[in-house]
């Protein structure tokens, strides 16, 4: 049996995190939780009101949900002394810190435990029930639970005997819902089971619940409507505790520099490119914490996002081009955002019929990020761009997207060989296929087409649109990641010639920002390749012309 009462498991797990090299203090999350469990006298002295005692925070995997659950349990639980963990953290300055550390009975339930080792819902719930009852019995020697009455009545009985309430911490609340034995009727029974234990019970001092799927994802979630829910992409009050901000990554990078010294393989800017980009609102963004810690620990930039069955399911909708999703993905791959509405319920559906539903699910699972101000989804960073590119490379069924991705390597090679034909062919293919999303006479959209054509270049280049350089802004600037590679500058022209585009690059010196000032060491040793691309605004044949020129640095 698993002991839920003041369990040592979450404490051991949090101690491991606390002792790790790249630990980040998220104990500020406890401040509001302290108000939930504070006495009326404490609240009056602080001049505060009690927040909702029930909160549910949902995030994709790797965003610190479980770590925070372990932290909360380690702080509140009786039977241990965790001052050594928390005295140096930010929560120690809170006026209620000493009054509540290790003062509460905590029921910690990781609902993923055992869910995959049983064959039926009844077996699963029977295990949960046995664990709860045996955990209660551990509090009062000689007092046995009454197995003939509901679990909630047993909790009420022990609460009365002990004259105390309980803090409930429920991790992975939604995990059982993905099990094959959970049909619709079982899902309803499961949600009602949780509601019967938690809702309207005087013994619940506080309940923190977490998982991937929001409660309101399910039509059956009404019995749990006592929860205040905080979901991915919203500007909620707890968002800063689930992910790393710039200052936290700066701190960790400083530690990394001390560890690896002259063997550093990562610069600070690369961490932003690879793992930042998850919007909290339309302004602030956060880093994926697990990816940051993994990269700094291994001294390696790569994708730390592992495949899952849900990943494959969601991409299958794109593969089958549901509601024109291939075209929408093309827009995302070009670096643009796609306008959409977010429906949290879509994340649980296996029958998606619209792009909004598909992209909503991708936001919930962390495959895309949502800018609430722009109301657009984006591919957040290079790590996730890599997952999309992996999809393109391995799926012939994606048609022209697969073809464009494969040909983009040839486009980059042709550019370096100053051969215009492959570039012109690829640009025409992309333009013809993307006509529903990219208007032929829209220069911004046309730049997106070029970005898509050169998508393979992102492996070896930092690609910037409207890049400042010289006395103006280049349409596209390819800054090489290797110092011996070529700089590529692209300028677009409407109803003009590619040569005039190249002349504009030279006259305004768009590449000047990459060249050394007087007396400075030359940073790049490769060539500077100027690319002029022209198209006719009113040309029904949509021919495209490309010219190249190499200049000296």
Protein backbone atom coordinates (compact mmCIF):
# COMPACT_ATOMS: atom_id res chain seq x y z
CA UNK A 1 0.00 0.00 0.00
CA UNK A 2 1.02 3.61 -0.56
CA UNK A 3 1.01 5.95 2.41
CA UNK A 4 -0.61 9.26 1.52
CA UNK A 5 -0.46 10.84 5.00
CA UNK A 6 2.57 13.10 5.57
CA UNK A 7 4.37 10.91 3.05
CA UNK A 8 8.15 10.99 2.85
CA UNK A 9 8.25 10.41 -0.90
CA UNK A 10 7.54 14.03 -1.94
CA UNK A 11 10.02 15.23 0.69
CA UNK A 12 12.80 13.01 -0.66
CA UNK A 13 12.05 14.15 -4.20
CA UNK A 14 12.09 17.82 -3.23
CA UNK A 15 15.34 17.36 -1.30
CA UNK A 16 16.90 15.99 -4.50
CA UNK A 17 15.80 19.11 -6.38
CA UNK A 18 16.93 21.41 -3.57
CA UNK A 19 20.40 19.83 -3.49
CA UNK A 20 20.84 19.97 -7.25
CA UNK A 21 23.23 22.42 -8.86
CA UNK A 22 20.57 24.25 -10.85
CA UNK A 23 17.96 24.77 -8.13
CA UNK A 24 15.60 27.75 -8.47
CA UNK A 25 13.66 29.09 -5.49
CA UNK A 26 9.93 28.92 -6.27
CA UNK A 27 8.84 29.05 -2.63
CA UNK A 28 7.05 32.34 -3.25
CA UNK A 29 4.23 30.11 -4.47
CA UNK A 30 3.59 29.22 -0.82
CA UNK A 31 2.64 32.79 0.12
CA UNK A 32 -0.95 32.59 -1.15
CA UNK A 33 -1.26 29.04 0.10
CA UNK A 34 -0.42 30.26 3.59
CA UNK A 35 -3.37 32.63 3.41
CA UNK A 36 -5.62 29.70 2.52
CA UNK A 37 -4.74 27.84 5.72
CA UNK A 38 -4.28 30.84 8.02
CA UNK A 39 -6.54 31.29 11.03
CA UNK A 40 -9.11 34.06 11.09
CA UNK A 41 -6.94 35.89 13.64
CA UNK A 42 -3.86 35.66 11.40
CA UNK A 43 -5.78 37.00 8.43
CA UNK A 44 -7.16 39.88 10.49
CA UNK A 45 -3.69 40.82 11.74
CA UNK A 46 -2.40 40.81 8.17
CA UNK A 47 -5.41 42.75 6.89
CA UNK A 48 -6.01 40.01 4.32
CA UNK A 49 -8.93 37.95 3.08
CA UNK A 50 -8.81 34.22 2.52
CA UNK A 51 -8.37 33.14 -1.14
CA UNK A 52 -10.22 30.19 -2.61
CA UNK A 53 -8.93 27.08 -0.84
CA UNK A 54 -9.12 25.04 -4.05
CA UNK A 55 -6.66 25.72 -6.89
CA UNK A 56 -5.81 23.65 -9.94
CA UNK A 57 -2.75 24.54 -11.99
CA UNK A 58 -2.34 22.76 -15.32
CA UNK A 59 0.76 22.90 -17.49
CA UNK A 60 2.47 20.73 -20.09
CA UNK A 61 5.03 18.19 -18.94
CA UNK A 62 8.38 19.58 -17.79
CA UNK A 63 7.03 22.87 -16.38
CA UNK A 64 7.52 22.19 -12.67
CA UNK A 65 4.05 21.07 -11.60
CA UNK A 66 5.23 18.08 -9.61
CA UNK A 67 8.23 19.92 -8.15
CA UNK A 68 5.87 22.51 -6.68
CA UNK A 69 3.62 19.76 -5.35
CA UNK A 70 6.63 18.19 -3.59
CA UNK A 71 7.62 21.59 -2.22
CA UNK A 72 4.16 22.29 -0.80
CA UNK A 73 4.04 18.88 0.89
CA UNK A 74 7.57 19.28 2.29
CA UNK A 75 6.71 22.64 3.84
CA UNK A 76 3.36 21.85 5.42
CA UNK A 77 3.62 18.20 6.47
CA UNK A 78 3.82 17.12 10.09
CA UNK A 79 6.29 14.61 11.44
CA UNK A 80 9.42 16.20 9.96
CA UNK A 81 11.50 19.33 10.39
CA UNK A 82 12.15 21.00 7.05
CA UNK A 83 13.53 24.31 8.30
CA UNK A 84 16.86 23.39 6.74
CA UNK A 85 15.20 23.38 3.33
CA UNK A 86 13.15 26.56 3.64
CA UNK A 87 14.99 28.91 6.02
CA UNK A 88 17.12 30.30 3.19
CA UNK A 89 14.29 30.57 0.66
CA UNK A 90 12.09 33.58 -0.01
CA UNK A 91 9.12 32.15 1.89
CA UNK A 92 11.08 32.41 5.17
CA UNK A 93 10.42 36.16 5.28
CA UNK A 94 6.65 35.68 5.30
CA UNK A 95 5.02 36.59 8.65
CA UNK A 96 3.19 33.23 8.74
CA UNK A 97 6.25 31.16 7.83
CA UNK A 98 7.03 29.82 11.29
CA UNK A 99 3.38 29.35 12.26
CA UNK A 100 2.68 26.78 9.57
CA UNK A 101 5.90 24.98 8.66
CA UNK A 102 5.43 21.27 9.52
CA UNK A 103 2.15 22.01 11.31
CA UNK A 104 -0.42 20.32 9.05
CA UNK A 105 -1.53 16.83 8.13
CA UNK A 106 -0.94 16.52 4.41
CA UNK A 107 -2.60 13.93 2.17
CA UNK A 108 -0.34 13.69 -0.89
CA UNK A 109 -1.77 11.69 -3.78
CA UNK A 110 0.09 11.10 -7.04
CA UNK A 111 -2.79 9.68 -9.05
CA UNK A 112 -0.51 8.31 -11.76
CA UNK A 113 0.77 5.71 -9.28
CA UNK A 114 -0.73 2.34 -10.10
CA UNK A 115 -3.04 3.63 -12.83
CA UNK A 116 -1.27 1.64 -15.52
CA UNK A 117 -0.90 -1.57 -13.51
CA UNK A 118 -4.60 -2.39 -13.20
CA UNK A 119 -7.12 -3.51 -15.79
CA UNK A 120 -10.33 -1.82 -14.66
CA UNK A 121 -11.53 1.42 -13.16
CA UNK A 122 -12.93 -0.42 -10.14
CA UNK A 123 -9.51 -1.93 -9.39
CA UNK A 124 -7.89 1.48 -9.65
CA UNK A 125 -10.37 3.21 -7.31
CA UNK A 126 -10.24 0.28 -4.88
CA UNK A 127 -6.47 0.80 -4.59
CA UNK A 128 -6.89 4.55 -4.02
CA UNK A 129 -9.54 3.90 -1.38
CA UNK A 130 -7.39 1.35 0.48
CA UNK A 131 -4.46 3.77 0.48
CA UNK A 132 -6.56 6.61 1.88
CA UNK A 133 -8.06 4.45 4.63
CA UNK A 134 -4.74 2.92 5.69
CA UNK A 135 -3.18 6.39 5.70
CA UNK A 136 -5.91 7.64 8.04
CA UNK A 137 -5.41 4.67 10.34
CA UNK A 138 -1.72 5.55 10.67
CA UNK A 139 -2.74 8.77 12.47
CA UNK A 140 -4.66 7.20 15.34
CA UNK A 141 -3.36 4.00 16.87
CA UNK A 142 -6.08 1.43 17.50
CA UNK A 143 -8.71 3.23 15.43
CA UNK A 144 -9.73 1.45 12.23
CA UNK A 145 -11.48 2.87 9.23
CA UNK A 146 -15.04 1.76 8.55
CA UNK A 147 -14.93 0.15 5.12
CA UNK A 148 -18.73 -0.01 4.90
CA UNK A 149 -19.13 3.76 4.67
CA UNK A 150 -17.88 6.20 2.00
CA UNK A 151 -14.27 7.40 2.02
CA UNK A 152 -15.35 10.96 2.75
CA UNK A 153 -17.17 9.87 5.91
CA UNK A 154 -14.04 8.10 7.12
CA UNK A 155 -11.98 11.24 6.54
CA UNK A 156 -14.62 13.23 8.41
CA UNK A 157 -14.50 10.74 11.30
CA UNK A 158 -10.71 10.94 11.67
CA UNK A 159 -10.80 14.72 11.32
CA UNK A 160 -13.19 14.85 14.26
CA UNK A 161 -11.12 12.47 16.39
CA UNK A 162 -7.93 14.44 15.73
CA UNK A 163 -9.62 17.84 15.79
CA UNK A 164 -7.76 18.80 12.67
CA UNK A 165 -8.29 19.24 8.96
CA UNK A 166 -6.17 18.06 6.08
CA UNK A 167 -4.25 19.66 3.24
CA UNK A 168 -4.80 17.72 0.01
CA UNK A 169 -2.12 17.75 -2.67
CA UNK A 170 -3.19 15.90 -5.81
CA UNK A 171 -0.57 15.43 -8.53
CA UNK A 172 -1.34 14.11 -12.04
CA UNK A 173 -5.08 14.37 -11.46
CA UNK A 174 -5.84 13.68 -15.13
CA UNK A 175 -3.46 10.76 -15.66
CA UNK A 176 -6.08 8.02 -15.05
CA UNK A 177 -8.36 9.59 -17.66
CA UNK A 178 -5.97 8.47 -20.41
CA UNK A 179 -6.08 4.80 -19.39
CA UNK A 180 -7.76 2.38 -21.85
CA UNK A 181 -10.27 1.22 -19.24
CA UNK A 182 -11.58 4.76 -18.73
CA UNK A 183 -14.67 4.93 -20.89
CA UNK A 184 -16.96 7.95 -20.67
CA UNK A 185 -18.99 6.45 -17.85
CA UNK A 186 -15.83 5.66 -15.85
CA UNK A 187 -14.53 9.19 -16.36
CA UNK A 188 -17.74 10.55 -14.89
CA UNK A 189 -17.46 8.19 -11.91
CA UNK A 190 -13.82 9.24 -11.38
CA UNK A 191 -14.60 12.96 -11.32
CA UNK A 192 -17.51 12.34 -8.94
CA UNK A 193 -15.21 10.29 -6.70
CA UNK A 194 -12.81 13.24 -6.38
CA UNK A 195 -15.72 15.61 -5.82
CA UNK A 196 -17.18 13.46 -3.07
CA UNK A 197 -13.87 13.54 -1.19
CA UNK A 198 -13.15 17.23 -1.66
CA UNK A 199 -16.18 19.37 -2.42
CA UNK A 200 -17.92 21.13 0.45
CA UNK A 201 -15.95 19.26 3.13
CA UNK A 202 -15.05 21.05 6.34
CA UNK A 203 -11.94 18.90 6.74
CA UNK A 204 -10.34 20.34 3.58
CA UNK A 205 -7.99 23.08 4.77
CA UNK A 206 -6.67 23.53 1.25
CA UNK A 207 -6.41 21.54 -1.98
CA UNK A 208 -3.71 22.00 -4.59
CA UNK A 209 -4.30 19.94 -7.72
CA UNK A 210 -2.20 19.73 -10.83
CA UNK A 211 -1.99 17.93 -14.15
CA UNK A 212 -1.81 18.55 -17.88
CA UNK A 213 -5.49 18.70 -18.77
CA UNK A 214 -7.63 21.56 -17.41
CA UNK A 215 -10.72 20.50 -15.51
CA UNK A 216 -12.93 22.43 -17.91
CA UNK A 217 -11.53 20.33 -20.75
CA UNK A 218 -14.07 17.70 -19.85
CA UNK A 219 -17.83 18.04 -20.06
CA UNK A 220 -17.82 15.90 -16.91
CA UNK A 221 -15.78 18.43 -14.93
CA UNK A 222 -18.74 20.24 -13.30
CA UNK A 223 -18.52 18.31 -10.00
CA UNK A 224 -15.07 19.89 -9.53
CA UNK A 225 -16.25 23.44 -10.17
CA UNK A 226 -15.06 24.55 -6.72
CA UNK A 227 -11.53 24.82 -8.14
CA UNK A 228 -10.02 28.09 -9.28
CA UNK A 229 -8.23 27.00 -12.44
CA UNK A 230 -4.98 28.35 -13.91
CA UNK A 231 -4.12 27.11 -17.38
CA UNK A 232 -1.18 27.45 -19.77
CA UNK A 233 -0.96 30.70 -21.72
CA UNK A 234 -3.04 32.84 -19.39
CA UNK A 235 -1.63 35.75 -17.42
CA UNK A 236 -2.45 34.15 -14.10
CA UNK A 237 -1.11 35.07 -10.70
CA UNK A 238 0.92 31.85 -10.38
CA UNK A 239 2.42 31.78 -13.87
CA UNK A 240 5.88 32.86 -12.73
CA UNK A 241 6.22 29.73 -10.58
CA UNK A 242 5.90 27.36 -13.55
CA UNK A 243 8.82 28.10 -15.84
CA UNK A 244 11.98 30.23 -15.62
CA UNK A 245 12.16 33.95 -16.30
CA UNK A 246 15.17 35.88 -17.66
CA UNK A 247 16.68 36.59 -14.24
CA UNK A 248 16.44 32.96 -13.18
CA UNK A 249 18.09 31.75 -16.38
CA UNK A 250 20.82 34.38 -15.95
CA UNK A 251 21.49 33.01 -12.47
CA UNK A 252 21.66 29.42 -13.70
CA UNK A 253 23.88 30.38 -16.61
CA UNK A 254 26.32 32.01 -14.21
CA UNK A 255 26.49 28.71 -12.29
CA UNK A 256 26.99 26.87 -15.58
CA UNK A 257 29.93 29.11 -16.48
CA UNK A 258 31.62 28.25 -13.22
CA UNK A 259 31.07 24.53 -13.69
CA UNK A 260 32.21 24.16 -17.28
CA UNK A 261 34.73 27.03 -17.38
CA UNK A 262 36.70 26.84 -20.66
CA UNK A 263 34.60 23.90 -21.91
CA UNK A 264 31.38 25.88 -22.38
CA UNK A 265 29.43 24.77 -25.44
CA UNK A 266 26.44 27.08 -24.89
CA UNK A 267 26.20 30.85 -24.94
CA UNK A 268 23.45 32.74 -23.15
CA UNK A 269 21.70 33.87 -26.30
CA UNK A 270 21.32 30.29 -27.48
CA UNK A 271 19.33 29.37 -24.38
CA UNK A 272 16.78 32.01 -25.36
CA UNK A 273 16.58 30.79 -28.94
CA UNK A 274 16.21 27.15 -27.94
CA UNK A 275 14.00 27.13 -24.85
CA UNK A 276 12.26 30.50 -24.36
CA UNK A 277 9.10 31.71 -26.06
CA UNK A 278 6.19 30.38 -24.01
CA UNK A 279 3.83 33.33 -23.58
CA UNK A 280 2.29 34.19 -20.24
CA UNK A 281 0.52 37.07 -21.93
CA UNK A 282 1.28 39.10 -25.01
CA UNK A 283 4.42 40.55 -23.45
CA UNK A 284 6.22 38.30 -21.01
CA UNK A 285 7.59 34.90 -21.97
CA UNK A 286 9.04 32.03 -19.96
CA UNK A 287 11.60 29.31 -20.53
CA UNK A 288 10.96 25.60 -20.36
CA UNK A 289 12.63 24.76 -17.01
CA UNK A 290 13.36 21.08 -17.61
CA UNK A 291 15.02 21.86 -20.93
CA UNK A 292 17.17 24.61 -19.41
CA UNK A 293 18.40 22.37 -16.58
CA UNK A 294 19.06 19.47 -18.97
CA UNK A 295 21.01 21.65 -21.43
CA UNK A 296 23.19 23.23 -18.72
CA UNK A 297 23.77 19.90 -16.99
CA UNK A 298 24.80 18.15 -20.20
CA UNK A 299 26.50 21.19 -21.76
CA UNK A 300 24.54 20.49 -24.91
CA UNK A 301 21.86 22.25 -26.93
CA UNK A 302 19.37 19.73 -28.24
CA UNK A 303 15.73 18.81 -28.02
CA UNK A 304 14.78 17.39 -24.63
CA UNK A 305 11.13 17.03 -25.57
CA UNK A 306 10.35 13.34 -25.81
CA UNK A 307 7.67 11.86 -28.02
CA UNK A 308 4.38 10.79 -26.52
CA UNK A 309 1.26 9.10 -27.83
CA UNK A 310 -0.55 12.44 -27.69
CA UNK A 311 2.21 14.04 -29.77
CA UNK A 312 1.65 11.45 -32.50
CA UNK A 313 -2.13 11.81 -32.31
CA UNK A 314 -2.05 15.59 -32.70
CA UNK A 315 0.36 15.52 -35.61
CA UNK A 316 -1.79 12.91 -37.33
CA UNK A 317 -4.51 15.56 -37.65
CA UNK A 318 -2.04 17.74 -39.55
CA UNK A 319 -0.95 14.79 -41.67
CA UNK A 320 -4.55 14.30 -42.77
CA UNK A 321 -4.88 18.04 -43.44
CA UNK A 322 -7.90 18.51 -41.16
CA UNK A 323 -9.50 21.89 -41.95
CA UNK A 324 -6.50 22.97 -44.03
CA UNK A 325 -4.07 22.48 -41.14
CA UNK A 326 -1.10 21.90 -43.49
CA UNK A 327 -1.33 25.47 -44.78
CA UNK A 328 -1.60 26.76 -41.21
CA UNK A 329 1.52 24.82 -40.20
CA UNK A 330 3.34 26.30 -43.19
CA UNK A 331 2.61 29.75 -41.78
CA UNK A 332 3.96 28.70 -38.37
CA UNK A 333 7.09 27.22 -39.92
CA UNK A 334 7.77 30.52 -41.65
CA UNK A 335 8.02 32.15 -38.22
CA UNK A 336 4.60 33.77 -38.30
CA UNK A 337 1.71 33.37 -35.87
CA UNK A 338 -1.60 31.79 -36.79
CA UNK A 339 -4.80 33.47 -35.55
CA UNK A 340 -6.92 31.07 -33.55
CA UNK A 341 -9.33 30.71 -30.66
CA UNK A 342 -8.29 28.56 -27.72
CA UNK A 343 -10.73 25.92 -26.54
CA UNK A 344 -9.38 24.05 -23.54
CA UNK A 345 -11.90 21.26 -23.99
CA UNK A 346 -10.34 20.32 -27.33
CA UNK A 347 -7.28 18.86 -25.63
CA UNK A 348 -9.26 15.81 -24.52
CA UNK A 349 -10.96 15.17 -27.84
CA UNK A 350 -9.97 12.39 -30.21
CA UNK A 351 -12.22 13.74 -32.97
CA UNK A 352 -10.99 17.18 -33.98
CA UNK A 353 -12.55 18.84 -36.99
CA UNK A 354 -11.12 22.38 -36.94
CA UNK A 355 -7.71 24.04 -36.85
CA UNK A 356 -8.74 25.86 -33.66
CA UNK A 357 -9.31 22.54 -31.91
CA UNK A 358 -6.01 21.06 -33.11
CA UNK A 359 -3.96 24.11 -32.15
CA UNK A 360 -5.80 24.46 -28.82
CA UNK A 361 -4.74 20.94 -27.90
CA UNK A 362 -1.18 21.69 -29.00
CA UNK A 363 -1.10 24.71 -26.67
CA UNK A 364 -2.34 22.63 -23.72
CA UNK A 365 0.37 20.03 -24.37
CA UNK A 366 3.08 22.63 -24.91
CA UNK A 367 3.73 22.01 -28.61
CA UNK A 368 2.67 25.58 -29.42
CA UNK A 369 2.42 28.78 -27.41
CA UNK A 370 -0.47 31.24 -27.40
CA UNK A 371 -0.14 35.02 -27.42
CA UNK A 372 -3.34 36.17 -25.72
CA UNK A 373 -3.01 39.78 -26.92
CA UNK A 374 -2.47 38.91 -30.58
CA UNK A 375 -4.72 35.86 -30.27
CA UNK A 376 -2.24 33.85 -32.29
CA UNK A 377 -0.33 30.61 -31.79
CA UNK A 378 3.37 30.30 -32.51
CA UNK A 379 6.09 27.67 -32.53
CA UNK A 380 7.83 28.93 -29.38
CA UNK A 381 11.50 28.11 -29.94
CA UNK A 382 14.13 26.05 -31.74
CA UNK A 383 13.47 23.01 -29.58
CA UNK A 384 9.86 22.79 -30.72
CA UNK A 385 10.76 23.90 -34.25
CA UNK A 386 12.96 20.82 -34.29
CA UNK A 387 9.94 18.62 -33.49
CA UNK A 388 7.98 20.15 -36.37
CA UNK A 389 10.93 19.73 -38.73
CA UNK A 390 11.25 16.11 -37.61
CA UNK A 391 7.62 15.65 -38.56
CA UNK A 392 8.24 17.20 -42.00
CA UNK A 393 11.33 15.13 -42.68
CA UNK A 394 9.76 11.79 -41.80
CA UNK A 395 6.28 12.07 -43.30
CA UNK A 396 5.92 11.88 -47.08
CA UNK A 397 2.17 12.13 -46.57
CA UNK A 398 2.59 15.81 -45.70
CA UNK A 399 2.96 16.44 -49.42
CA UNK A 400 4.33 19.81 -50.43
CA UNK A 401 5.43 20.61 -46.86
CA UNK A 402 7.65 17.53 -46.90
CA UNK A 403 8.90 18.46 -50.38
CA UNK A 404 9.68 22.04 -49.35
CA UNK A 405 11.57 20.92 -46.27
CA UNK A 406 13.66 18.38 -48.16
CA UNK A 407 14.35 20.85 -50.98
CA UNK A 408 15.28 23.64 -48.55
CA UNK A 409 18.68 22.04 -47.99
CA UNK A 410 19.22 22.16 -51.78
CA UNK A 411 18.07 25.80 -51.80
CA UNK A 412 20.72 26.71 -49.23
CA UNK A 413 23.40 24.81 -51.17
CA UNK A 414 22.32 26.49 -54.41
CA UNK A 415 22.56 29.89 -52.73
CA UNK A 416 26.13 29.19 -51.68
CA UNK A 417 26.90 27.98 -55.20
CA UNK A 418 25.22 31.12 -56.62
CA UNK A 419 22.82 28.99 -58.69
CA UNK A 420 19.43 30.78 -59.00
CA UNK A 421 17.35 28.00 -60.63
CA UNK A 422 16.70 25.78 -57.55
CA UNK A 423 15.85 28.89 -55.50
CA UNK A 424 13.41 30.21 -58.13
CA UNK A 425 11.76 26.79 -58.40
CA UNK A 426 11.33 26.42 -54.64
CA UNK A 427 9.98 29.96 -54.23
CA UNK A 428 7.41 29.36 -56.96
CA UNK A 429 6.37 26.03 -55.39
CA UNK A 430 5.93 27.61 -51.97
CA UNK A 431 4.07 30.58 -53.37
CA UNK A 432 1.70 28.50 -55.48
CA UNK A 433 0.90 26.16 -52.60
CA UNK A 434 0.48 28.90 -50.01
CA UNK A 435 -1.74 31.22 -52.01
CA UNK A 436 -4.58 30.82 -49.48
CA UNK A 437 -2.43 32.15 -46.66
CA UNK A 438 0.20 34.31 -48.36
CA UNK A 439 -1.22 37.00 -50.64
CA UNK A 440 0.90 37.54 -53.74
CA UNK A 441 1.03 41.33 -53.37
CA UNK A 442 1.79 41.36 -49.63
CA UNK A 443 5.51 41.97 -49.04
CA UNK A 444 5.42 40.78 -45.44
CA UNK A 445 3.73 37.55 -46.52
CA UNK A 446 6.25 37.14 -49.33
CA UNK A 447 9.08 37.39 -46.83
CA UNK A 448 7.37 34.57 -44.93
CA UNK A 449 7.40 32.46 -48.08
CA UNK A 450 11.15 32.99 -48.43
CA UNK A 451 11.60 32.10 -44.78
CA UNK A 452 9.75 28.83 -45.44
CA UNK A 453 11.83 28.07 -48.52
CA UNK A 454 15.02 28.41 -46.46
CA UNK A 455 13.72 26.54 -43.39
CA UNK A 456 16.68 24.11 -43.33
CA UNK A 457 19.01 27.09 -42.91
CA UNK A 458 17.83 27.49 -39.32
CA UNK A 459 20.03 24.57 -38.33
CA UNK A 460 23.15 26.58 -39.13
CA UNK A 461 21.89 30.17 -39.21
CA UNK A 462 20.11 32.65 -37.02
CA UNK A 463 17.46 34.04 -39.36
CA UNK A 464 16.17 37.55 -38.68
CA UNK A 465 13.43 39.41 -40.53
CA UNK A 466 13.61 43.18 -40.88
CA UNK A 467 17.14 43.03 -39.46
CA UNK A 468 18.80 46.38 -38.64
CA UNK A 469 22.01 46.91 -40.52
CA UNK A 470 23.82 49.84 -42.11
CA UNK A 471 21.33 52.59 -42.89
CA UNK A 472 18.19 50.48 -43.02
CA UNK A 473 16.59 47.11 -42.50
CA UNK A 474 17.30 44.00 -44.54
CA UNK A 475 14.26 41.87 -45.40
CA UNK A 476 16.08 38.74 -44.25
CA UNK A 477 19.50 38.39 -42.66
CA UNK A 478 21.13 34.98 -42.18
CA UNK A 479 23.74 35.22 -39.43
CA UNK A 480 25.90 32.07 -39.48
CA UNK A 481 26.37 30.10 -36.28
CA UNK A 482 29.84 29.06 -37.45
CA UNK A 483 32.38 31.83 -37.88
CA UNK A 484 33.71 30.34 -41.15
CA UNK A 485 30.29 30.16 -42.81
CA UNK A 486 28.79 32.64 -45.28
CA UNK A 487 26.65 35.61 -44.30
CA UNK A 488 23.48 35.74 -46.42
CA UNK A 489 21.42 38.91 -46.93
CA UNK A 490 18.14 38.75 -48.86
CA UNK A 491 16.21 41.71 -50.24
CA UNK A 492 12.80 41.46 -51.94
CA UNK A 493 11.52 43.71 -54.71
CA UNK A 494 8.03 44.12 -56.20
CA UNK A 495 7.70 44.93 -59.91
CA UNK A 496 11.44 45.48 -60.09
CA UNK A 497 14.61 43.56 -60.83
CA UNK A 498 16.71 41.34 -58.52
CA UNK A 499 19.74 43.44 -59.40
CA UNK A 500 18.09 46.54 -57.98
CA UNK A 501 17.44 44.57 -54.80
CA UNK A 502 21.14 43.71 -54.60
CA UNK A 503 22.12 47.32 -55.29
CA UNK A 504 19.94 48.41 -52.38
CA UNK A 505 21.67 45.93 -50.05
CA UNK A 506 25.07 47.33 -51.07
CA UNK A 507 24.13 50.98 -50.93
CA UNK A 508 22.60 50.65 -47.48
CA UNK A 509 25.17 48.14 -46.22
CA UNK A 510 22.60 45.90 -44.52
CA UNK A 511 25.39 43.50 -43.53
CA UNK A 512 27.46 46.16 -41.81
CA UNK A 513 26.27 45.19 -38.32
CA UNK A 514 28.09 41.87 -38.74
CA UNK A 515 31.38 43.44 -39.76
CA UNK A 516 34.09 44.62 -37.34
CA UNK A 517 34.53 48.25 -36.46
CA UNK A 518 37.94 49.82 -36.93
CA UNK A 519 40.54 48.02 -34.88
CA UNK A 520 38.25 45.12 -33.97
CA UNK A 521 38.94 41.51 -34.79
CA UNK A 522 37.03 40.13 -37.77
CA UNK A 523 34.22 37.91 -36.46
CA UNK A 524 33.28 36.01 -39.64
CA UNK A 525 35.70 34.59 -42.17
CA UNK A 526 33.19 33.42 -44.76
CA UNK A 527 31.76 35.31 -47.72
CA UNK A 528 28.89 37.80 -47.78
CA UNK A 529 26.30 36.58 -50.27
CA UNK A 530 23.73 39.12 -51.42
CA UNK A 531 20.46 37.69 -52.72
CA UNK A 532 17.99 39.75 -54.74
CA UNK A 533 14.54 38.26 -55.31
CA UNK A 534 11.98 40.02 -57.50
CA UNK A 535 8.36 39.20 -58.28
CA UNK A 536 5.61 40.90 -60.25
CA UNK A 537 2.74 42.28 -58.21
CA UNK A 538 0.35 42.04 -61.13
CA UNK A 539 2.06 39.19 -62.92
CA UNK A 540 -0.53 36.43 -63.23
CA UNK A 541 2.17 33.88 -64.10
CA UNK A 542 3.84 34.63 -60.75
CA UNK A 543 7.34 34.20 -62.11
CA UNK A 544 10.16 34.83 -59.69
CA UNK A 545 13.67 35.99 -60.46
CA UNK A 546 16.73 35.51 -58.28
CA UNK A 547 20.23 37.00 -58.57
CA UNK A 548 23.35 36.68 -56.42
CA UNK A 549 26.44 38.70 -55.76
CA UNK A 550 29.38 38.17 -53.42
CA UNK A 551 31.02 41.12 -51.70
CA UNK A 552 34.10 41.32 -49.53
CA UNK A 553 33.80 41.85 -45.80
